[in-house]
C-alpha atoms as a PDB file:
ATOM      1  CA  MET A   1      -0.020  -0.056  -0.096  1.00  0.00           C
ATOM      2  CA  LYS A   2       1.556   3.262  -1.131  1.00  0.00           C
ATOM      3  CA  ARG A   3       0.736   6.504   0.867  1.00  0.00           C
ATOM      4  CA  THR A   4       1.119  10.078  -0.934  1.00  0.00           C
ATOM      5  CA  LEU A   5       1.423  13.011   1.266  1.00  0.00           C
ATOM      6  CA  SER A   6       0.980  16.415  -0.216  1.00  0.00           C
ATOM      7  CA  ILE A   7       1.597  19.696   1.436  1.00  0.00           C
ATOM      8  CA  VAL A   8       0.660  22.776  -0.049  1.00  0.00           C
ATOM      9  CA  VAL A   9       2.082  25.926   1.264  1.00  0.00           C
ATOM     10  CA  ALA A  10       0.814  29.519   0.333  1.00  0.00           C
ATOM     11  CA  ALA A  11       2.574  32.602   1.657  1.00  0.00           C
ATOM     12  CA  VAL A  12       1.187  36.020   1.425  1.00  0.00           C
ATOM     13  CA  VAL A  13       3.285  38.883   1.879  1.00  0.00           C
ATOM     14  CA  VAL A  14       1.504  42.165   2.875  1.00  0.00           C
ATOM     15  CA  GLY A  15       2.758  45.686   2.965  1.00  0.00           C
ATOM     16  CA  CYS A  16       5.982  45.009   0.914  1.00  0.00           C
ATOM     17  CA  GLY A  17       6.112  46.037  -2.564  1.00  0.00           C
ATOM     18  CA  SER A  18       2.484  47.387  -2.302  1.00  0.00           C
ATOM     19  CA  GLY A  19       3.223  50.867  -3.390  1.00  0.00           C
ATOM     20  CA  MET A  20       2.595  52.440   0.101  1.00  0.00           C
ATOM     21  CA  SER A  21       5.366  54.665   0.551  1.00  0.00           C
ATOM     22  CA  GLY A  22       5.603  58.447   1.070  1.00  0.00           C
ATOM     23  CA  ASP A  23       3.677  61.099   2.846  1.00  0.00           C
ATOM     24  CA  TYR A  24      -0.099  61.458   3.297  1.00  0.00           C
ATOM     25  CA  GLY A  25      -2.001  64.325   4.955  1.00  0.00           C
ATOM     26  CA  GLY A  26      -4.239  67.196   3.987  1.00  0.00           C
ATOM     27  CA  LYS A  27      -6.953  69.252   5.415  1.00  0.00           C
ATOM     28  CA  ASP A  28      -9.496  66.417   5.783  1.00  0.00           C
ATOM     29  CA  CYS A  29      -6.789  64.117   7.387  1.00  0.00           C
ATOM     30  CA  LEU A  30      -6.944  63.498  11.215  1.00  0.00           C
ATOM     31  CA  TYR A  31      -3.222  63.293  11.237  1.00  0.00           C
ATOM     32  CA  GLU A  32      -0.739  66.028  10.405  1.00  0.00           C
ATOM     33  CA  LYS A  33       1.289  63.398   8.406  1.00  0.00           C
ATOM     34  CA  LEU A  34       1.542  59.656   7.846  1.00  0.00           C
ATOM     35  CA  THR A  35       4.829  58.619   6.462  1.00  0.00           C
ATOM     36  CA  PHE A  36       4.674  55.173   5.145  1.00  0.00           C
ATOM     37  CA  LYS A  37       7.845  53.140   4.435  1.00  0.00           C
ATOM     38  CA  SER A  38       8.077  50.161   1.839  1.00  0.00           C
ATOM     39  CA  ASP A  39       9.025  47.921   4.818  1.00  0.00           C
ATOM     40  CA  GLY A  40       5.589  48.029   6.624  1.00  0.00           C
ATOM     41  CA  ALA A  41       6.877  50.798   8.905  1.00  0.00           C
ATOM     42  CA  VAL A  42       4.670  54.095   9.470  1.00  0.00           C
ATOM     43  CA  TYR A  43       5.311  57.304  11.396  1.00  0.00           C
ATOM     44  CA  ILE A  44       2.398  59.010  12.640  1.00  0.00           C
ATOM     45  CA  LYS A  45       2.364  62.829  13.449  1.00  0.00           C
ATOM     46  CA  PHE A  46      -0.448  64.080  15.537  1.00  0.00           C
ATOM     47  CA  MET A  47      -0.563  67.109  17.520  1.00  0.00           C
ATOM     48  CA  GLY A  48       3.195  67.874  16.963  1.00  0.00           C
ATOM     49  CA  MET A  49       4.307  64.568  18.247  1.00  0.00           C
ATOM     50  CA  GLU A  50       5.464  61.610  16.047  1.00  0.00           C
ATOM     51  CA  ALA A  51       4.896  57.870  16.824  1.00  0.00           C
ATOM     52  CA  PRO A  52       5.943  54.677  15.076  1.00  0.00           C
ATOM     53  CA  GLY A  53       3.474  52.117  13.981  1.00  0.00           C
ATOM     54  CA  GLN A  54       3.088  49.464  11.359  1.00  0.00           C
ATOM     55  CA  TYR A  55       0.776  48.844   8.456  1.00  0.00           C
ATOM     56  CA  LYS A  56      -0.492  45.960   6.270  1.00  0.00           C
ATOM     57  CA  VAL A  57      -2.198  46.096   2.907  1.00  0.00           C
ATOM     58  CA  ASP A  58      -4.916  43.802   2.164  1.00  0.00           C
ATOM     59  CA  GLY A  59      -6.225  44.624  -1.264  1.00  0.00           C
ATOM     60  CA  ASP A  60      -7.680  48.080  -1.007  1.00  0.00           C
ATOM     61  CA  ARG A  61      -7.561  48.111   2.819  1.00  0.00           C
ATOM     62  CA  VAL A  62      -4.601  49.499   4.750  1.00  0.00           C
ATOM     63  CA  VAL A  63      -4.641  48.456   8.297  1.00  0.00           C
ATOM     64  CA  LEU A  64      -2.625  50.983  10.392  1.00  0.00           C
ATOM     65  CA  THR A  65      -1.443  50.010  14.087  1.00  0.00           C
ATOM     66  CA  ALA A  66       0.308  52.431  16.380  1.00  0.00           C
ATOM     67  CA  ALA A  67       2.843  51.229  18.898  1.00  0.00           C
ATOM     68  CA  ASP A  68       0.268  51.532  21.680  1.00  0.00           C
ATOM     69  CA  GLY A  69      -1.903  49.061  19.964  1.00  0.00           C
ATOM     70  CA  ARG A  70      -4.586  51.501  18.688  1.00  0.00           C
ATOM     71  CA  GLY A  71      -5.530  51.125  14.995  1.00  0.00           C
ATOM     72  CA  ILE A  72      -7.531  52.279  12.116  1.00  0.00           C
ATOM     73  CA  VAL A  73      -8.497  50.768   8.868  1.00  0.00           C
ATOM     74  CA  PHE A  74      -8.329  52.971   5.557  1.00  0.00           C
ATOM     75  CA  THR A  75      -9.706  52.311   2.306  1.00  0.00           C
ATOM     76  CA  LYS A  76      -7.061  53.152  -0.396  1.00  0.00           C
ATOM     77  CA  THR A  77      -8.587  54.535  -3.679  1.00  0.00           C
ATOM     78  CA  GLY A  78      -5.818  55.773  -6.029  1.00  0.00           C
ATOM     79  CA  ASN A  79      -3.718  58.184  -3.680  1.00  0.00           C
ATOM     80  CA  THR A  80      -6.481  58.733  -1.122  1.00  0.00           C
ATOM     81  CA  LEU A  81      -6.693  56.838   2.160  1.00  0.00           C
ATOM     82  CA  SER A  82     -10.285  57.099   3.653  1.00  0.00           C
ATOM     83  CA  ALA A  83     -11.789  55.971   6.927  1.00  0.00           C
ATOM     84  CA  ASN A  84     -14.747  56.613   9.468  1.00  0.00           C
ATOM     85  CA  ALA A  85     -13.728  56.851  12.865  1.00  0.00           C
ATOM     86  CA  ALA A  86     -15.654  58.216  15.905  1.00  0.00           C
ATOM     87  CA  GLY A  87     -18.269  59.676  13.568  1.00  0.00           C
ATOM     88  CA  MET A  88     -15.658  61.594  11.382  1.00  0.00           C
ATOM     89  CA  LYS A  89     -14.876  61.084   7.694  1.00  0.00           C
ATOM     90  CA  ILE A  90     -10.996  60.933   7.371  1.00  0.00           C
ATOM     91  CA  ARG A  91      -9.385  61.544   3.962  1.00  0.00           C
ATOM     92  CA  CYS A  92      -5.727  61.595   3.818  1.00  0.00           C
ATOM     93  CA  THR A  93      -3.952  62.383   0.306  1.00  0.00           C
ATOM     94  CA  LYS A  94      -0.530  61.554  -0.714  1.00  0.00           C
ATOM     95  CA  GLN A  95       1.574  64.680  -0.533  1.00  0.00           C
END
């Protein structure tokens, strides 16, 4: 009796090579500036202070998590990130 074992491994790399790099902000953005690095790091400038965080891209969704664990999920359309948080519509555009 012959046994065959098949293992299929699939890996999805999120955030790398996703085109997410550069600064986002603008008058309708809750943050003064979001600086995305291609390695999955993001720097969040809010109220004059800058904090590190991480992000992952999943299709048109960009999940941003600050170092303190708080996060927000944006929808990416072209060069604009949009989200609804605390009853506010947030739109951050690439600078």
